[in-house]
Amino acid sequence: MQQPSSTPNAYRWYPAVVALFVTCLITANIIAVKPVQVGGLIFPAAVVIFPLAYIFGDILTEVYGYTRARQTIWIGFGCNLVAVAAIWLAGRLPAAGFWPDQAAYEAILGFTPRLLVASFIAYLIGEFLNSFVLAKLKVRTAGRHLWLRTISSTLVGELADSIVFISVAFLGVWPGDQMLTAVVTQWMIKVTYEIIATPLTYGVVGWLKRAEGVDVYDRATDFTPFKFETD
């Protein structure tokens, strides 16, 4: 595992990448309430930004290694919990008598417990699979073919995310064919997003590696997801 010339704490741009990752995650959860229809396809508005969380996850794993990506995944999970708790608490507080929009607030920002559970579980499974696959492929390919690693990890991570979310959220509510259509549609949109963004990913990864002086290979990494500290 190659480390920068100074200490791991000297990573200059790591906090910025983490902040962008968390922003994409929380924003996606807020705007997901709006269904969007393009032609015959119906999908949550979150797809306009949620795939960026996977792209930033790819960047974190590729540049800083799996343990830093794992730390960021848990940071995102915790920040999302804080956002959900704050939104829920604000909704429970009594509204001012002159404010007529309490119902609108609850309709847009209210959370269904089942959907929340589905979202959190799908996020953890999808993100950890994405990071694991990319880290393993980086070692296997000796750092070549970044496009293969990012697209392959997204294929696996986003598929798991879509299957888990749709299954946990809508099993017994939607018919099976509708669930399958939703999984395939979301998966295809997210993977297409990743493919289109590949040139940008190349540029950001290359710049970060030069700026940070680091290019981590996870050859002896403990891949358990249930840790927070980095190696």
Protein backbone atom coordinates (compact mmCIF):
# COMPACT_ATOMS: atom_id res chain seq x y z
CA MET A 1 0.00 0.00 0.00
CA GLN A 2 1.59 3.24 -1.15
CA GLN A 3 1.15 6.17 1.23
CA PRO A 4 1.91 9.86 0.69
CA SER A 5 5.28 11.21 1.66
CA SER A 6 3.89 12.79 4.83
CA THR A 7 1.24 11.29 7.11
CA PRO A 8 -2.27 10.08 6.17
CA ASN A 9 -3.68 13.06 8.04
CA ALA A 10 -2.04 15.31 5.45
CA TYR A 11 -4.56 14.39 2.74
CA ARG A 12 -5.54 17.84 1.55
CA TRP A 13 -8.55 17.07 -0.63
CA TYR A 14 -10.01 14.06 1.19
CA PRO A 15 -12.41 16.20 3.32
CA ALA A 16 -13.76 17.90 0.18
CA VAL A 17 -14.48 14.57 -1.52
CA VAL A 18 -16.19 13.30 1.64
CA ALA A 19 -18.30 16.47 1.83
CA LEU A 20 -19.41 16.08 -1.79
CA PHE A 21 -20.25 12.41 -1.22
CA VAL A 22 -22.39 13.21 1.84
CA THR A 23 -24.09 16.14 0.10
CA CYS A 24 -25.09 13.94 -2.83
CA LEU A 25 -26.41 11.27 -0.48
CA ILE A 26 -28.55 13.56 1.69
CA THR A 27 -29.83 15.57 -1.28
CA ALA A 28 -30.85 12.38 -3.07
CA ASN A 29 -32.85 11.21 -0.07
CA ILE A 30 -34.69 14.54 0.15
CA ILE A 31 -35.64 14.83 -3.53
CA ALA A 32 -36.45 11.12 -3.93
CA VAL A 33 -40.06 11.84 -2.96
CA LYS A 34 -40.76 13.28 -6.43
CA PRO A 35 -41.51 10.72 -9.15
CA VAL A 36 -40.26 11.72 -12.59
CA GLN A 37 -41.66 10.48 -15.88
CA VAL A 38 -39.62 10.59 -19.08
CA GLY A 39 -41.48 8.93 -21.89
CA GLY A 40 -42.65 5.59 -20.53
CA LEU A 41 -40.08 5.51 -17.74
CA ILE A 42 -40.99 6.47 -14.18
CA PHE A 43 -38.25 6.87 -11.59
CA PRO A 44 -37.51 8.90 -8.44
CA ALA A 45 -35.92 12.31 -8.91
CA ALA A 46 -33.02 11.09 -6.76
CA VAL A 47 -31.44 9.46 -9.81
CA VAL A 48 -30.31 12.90 -10.99
CA ILE A 49 -27.75 13.04 -8.16
CA PHE A 50 -27.57 9.71 -6.30
CA PRO A 51 -25.26 8.08 -8.88
CA LEU A 52 -22.76 10.83 -8.07
CA ALA A 53 -22.41 9.29 -4.61
CA TYR A 54 -21.19 6.11 -6.30
CA ILE A 55 -18.80 8.10 -8.50
CA PHE A 56 -17.33 9.82 -5.45
CA GLY A 57 -17.17 6.41 -3.77
CA ASP A 58 -15.17 5.15 -6.76
CA ILE A 59 -12.82 8.12 -6.50
CA LEU A 60 -12.29 7.59 -2.78
CA THR A 61 -11.49 3.89 -3.19
CA GLU A 62 -9.29 4.39 -6.24
CA VAL A 63 -7.22 7.19 -4.75
CA TYR A 64 -7.29 6.71 -0.96
CA GLY A 65 -8.11 3.01 -0.66
CA TYR A 66 -10.92 0.90 0.75
CA THR A 67 -10.49 1.87 4.39
CA ARG A 68 -10.94 5.58 3.64
CA ALA A 69 -13.96 4.78 1.48
CA ARG A 70 -15.36 2.62 4.30
CA GLN A 71 -14.92 5.48 6.74
CA THR A 72 -16.75 7.81 4.34
CA ILE A 73 -19.62 5.35 3.88
CA TRP A 74 -20.17 5.31 7.65
CA ILE A 75 -19.85 9.10 7.84
CA GLY A 76 -22.53 9.37 5.17
CA PHE A 77 -24.73 6.93 7.06
CA GLY A 78 -24.40 8.94 10.28
CA CYS A 79 -24.99 12.29 8.58
CA ASN A 80 -28.07 10.91 6.88
CA LEU A 81 -29.42 9.73 10.23
CA VAL A 82 -28.92 13.23 11.66
CA ALA A 83 -30.72 14.80 8.69
CA VAL A 84 -33.63 12.36 8.94
CA ALA A 85 -33.95 12.92 12.71
CA ALA A 86 -33.88 16.71 12.31
CA ILE A 87 -36.50 16.67 9.55
CA TRP A 88 -38.73 14.33 11.57
CA LEU A 89 -38.39 16.44 14.74
CA ALA A 90 -39.13 19.66 12.85
CA GLY A 91 -42.25 18.04 11.47
CA ARG A 92 -43.45 17.08 14.95
CA LEU A 93 -42.98 20.56 16.40
CA PRO A 94 -46.18 22.66 16.46
CA ALA A 95 -46.40 25.00 13.50
CA ALA A 96 -46.96 28.74 13.95
CA GLY A 97 -50.63 29.65 13.67
CA PHE A 98 -50.06 31.86 10.63
CA TRP A 99 -48.19 29.15 8.67
CA PRO A 100 -50.54 27.12 6.41
CA ASP A 101 -48.03 24.67 4.97
CA GLN A 102 -47.67 21.96 7.64
CA ALA A 103 -49.44 19.41 5.45
CA ALA A 104 -47.17 20.26 2.53
CA TYR A 105 -44.10 19.90 4.76
CA GLU A 106 -45.22 16.43 5.89
CA ALA A 107 -46.13 15.39 2.35
CA ILE A 108 -42.74 16.36 0.92
CA LEU A 109 -40.36 15.78 3.83
CA GLY A 110 -42.23 13.15 5.81
CA PHE A 111 -40.64 9.71 5.91
CA THR A 112 -42.31 6.31 5.77
CA PRO A 113 -40.44 4.02 8.21
CA ARG A 114 -40.37 1.15 5.74
CA LEU A 115 -38.89 3.33 3.01
CA LEU A 116 -36.28 4.65 5.42
CA VAL A 117 -35.21 1.15 6.43
CA ALA A 118 -35.06 0.12 2.77
CA SER A 119 -32.98 3.17 1.88
CA PHE A 120 -30.45 2.71 4.70
CA ILE A 121 -29.97 -1.03 4.11
CA ALA A 122 -29.69 -0.61 0.34
CA TYR A 123 -27.19 2.21 0.75
CA LEU A 124 -24.85 0.23 2.99
CA ILE A 125 -24.96 -2.95 0.91
CA GLY A 126 -24.59 -1.14 -2.42
CA GLU A 127 -21.80 1.21 -1.37
CA PHE A 128 -19.72 -1.46 0.34
CA LEU A 129 -20.04 -3.82 -2.63
CA ASN A 130 -19.08 -1.00 -4.98
CA SER A 131 -15.95 -0.16 -2.99
CA PHE A 132 -14.98 -3.81 -2.45
CA VAL A 133 -15.26 -4.72 -6.13
CA LEU A 134 -13.28 -1.69 -7.26
CA ALA A 135 -10.50 -2.26 -4.71
CA LYS A 136 -10.16 -5.94 -5.65
CA LEU A 137 -10.15 -5.19 -9.38
CA LYS A 138 -7.50 -2.51 -8.93
CA VAL A 139 -5.13 -5.09 -7.49
CA ARG A 140 -6.12 -7.69 -10.09
CA THR A 141 -5.56 -5.27 -13.01
CA ALA A 142 -2.41 -3.72 -11.46
CA GLY A 143 -4.02 -0.31 -11.63
CA ARG A 144 -4.84 -0.46 -15.34
CA HIS A 145 -8.22 0.06 -17.01
CA LEU A 146 -9.88 2.42 -14.54
CA TRP A 147 -13.00 2.43 -16.71
CA LEU A 148 -13.37 -1.32 -16.23
CA ARG A 149 -13.14 -0.98 -12.45
CA THR A 150 -15.57 1.91 -12.10
CA ILE A 151 -18.20 0.46 -14.42
CA SER A 152 -17.89 -3.09 -13.04
CA SER A 153 -18.16 -1.91 -9.43
CA THR A 154 -21.16 0.24 -10.31
CA LEU A 155 -22.86 -2.66 -12.09
CA VAL A 156 -22.58 -4.74 -8.92
CA GLY A 157 -23.19 -2.03 -6.31
CA GLU A 158 -26.08 -0.29 -8.04
CA LEU A 159 -27.76 -3.61 -8.87
CA ALA A 160 -27.60 -4.65 -5.22
CA ASP A 161 -28.83 -1.21 -4.13
CA SER A 162 -31.80 -1.30 -6.50
CA ILE A 163 -32.78 -4.88 -5.67
CA VAL A 164 -32.58 -4.38 -1.91
CA PHE A 165 -34.40 -1.03 -1.90
CA ILE A 166 -37.27 -2.10 -4.15
CA SER A 167 -37.63 -5.46 -2.39
CA VAL A 168 -37.63 -4.12 1.17
CA ALA A 169 -39.74 -1.07 0.34
CA PHE A 170 -42.40 -2.56 -1.91
CA LEU A 171 -42.59 -6.34 -1.45
CA GLY A 172 -46.25 -7.18 -0.94
CA VAL A 173 -47.26 -3.69 -2.11
CA TRP A 174 -46.28 -3.71 -5.79
CA PRO A 175 -46.81 -6.67 -8.13
CA GLY A 176 -43.70 -8.62 -8.99
CA ASP A 177 -43.46 -7.43 -12.59
CA GLN A 178 -43.65 -3.79 -11.50
CA MET A 179 -40.89 -4.36 -8.95
CA LEU A 180 -38.70 -6.00 -11.58
CA THR A 181 -39.30 -3.12 -14.00
CA ALA A 182 -38.39 -0.60 -11.29
CA VAL A 183 -35.17 -2.45 -10.44
CA VAL A 184 -34.04 -2.74 -14.06
CA THR A 185 -34.97 0.86 -14.89
CA GLN A 186 -33.13 2.37 -11.93
CA TRP A 187 -30.12 0.12 -12.49
CA MET A 188 -29.83 1.03 -16.16
CA ILE A 189 -30.15 4.75 -15.48
CA LYS A 190 -27.50 4.67 -12.73
CA VAL A 191 -25.04 2.61 -14.77
CA THR A 192 -25.53 4.84 -17.81
CA TYR A 193 -24.80 7.81 -15.57
CA GLU A 194 -21.53 6.18 -14.51
CA ILE A 195 -20.51 5.44 -18.09
CA ILE A 196 -21.19 9.01 -19.24
CA ALA A 197 -19.22 10.39 -16.29
CA THR A 198 -16.19 8.15 -16.95
CA PRO A 199 -14.06 10.90 -18.60
CA LEU A 200 -14.73 13.19 -15.62
CA THR A 201 -13.85 10.37 -13.22
CA TYR A 202 -10.55 9.85 -15.04
CA GLY A 203 -9.73 13.54 -14.78
CA VAL A 204 -10.57 13.83 -11.07
CA VAL A 205 -8.77 10.61 -10.13
CA GLY A 206 -5.63 11.59 -12.03
CA TRP A 207 -5.58 15.07 -10.54
CA LEU A 208 -6.14 13.83 -6.99
CA LYS A 209 -3.39 11.22 -7.23
CA ARG A 210 -0.94 13.88 -8.35
CA ALA A 211 -2.13 16.48 -5.83
CA GLU A 212 -2.12 14.08 -2.87
CA GLY A 213 0.90 12.04 -3.91
CA VAL A 214 -0.93 8.81 -3.16
CA ASP A 215 -2.25 5.78 -5.05
CA VAL A 216 -3.41 3.07 -2.64
CA TYR A 217 -3.54 -0.63 -3.53
CA ASP A 218 -5.56 -2.75 -1.08
CA ARG A 219 -3.34 -5.84 -1.12
CA ALA A 220 -3.45 -6.58 2.61
CA THR A 221 -6.60 -4.75 3.61
CA ASP A 222 -9.17 -5.97 6.10
CA PHE A 223 -12.34 -5.67 4.02
CA THR A 224 -14.81 -6.04 6.88
CA PRO A 225 -17.38 -3.24 6.63
CA PHE A 226 -17.79 -3.09 10.40
CA LYS A 227 -14.86 -0.83 11.19
CA PHE A 228 -14.46 2.93 11.16
CA GLU A 229 -10.74 3.50 11.58
CA THR A 230 -8.35 3.56 8.61
CA ASP A 231 -5.18 1.50 8.22
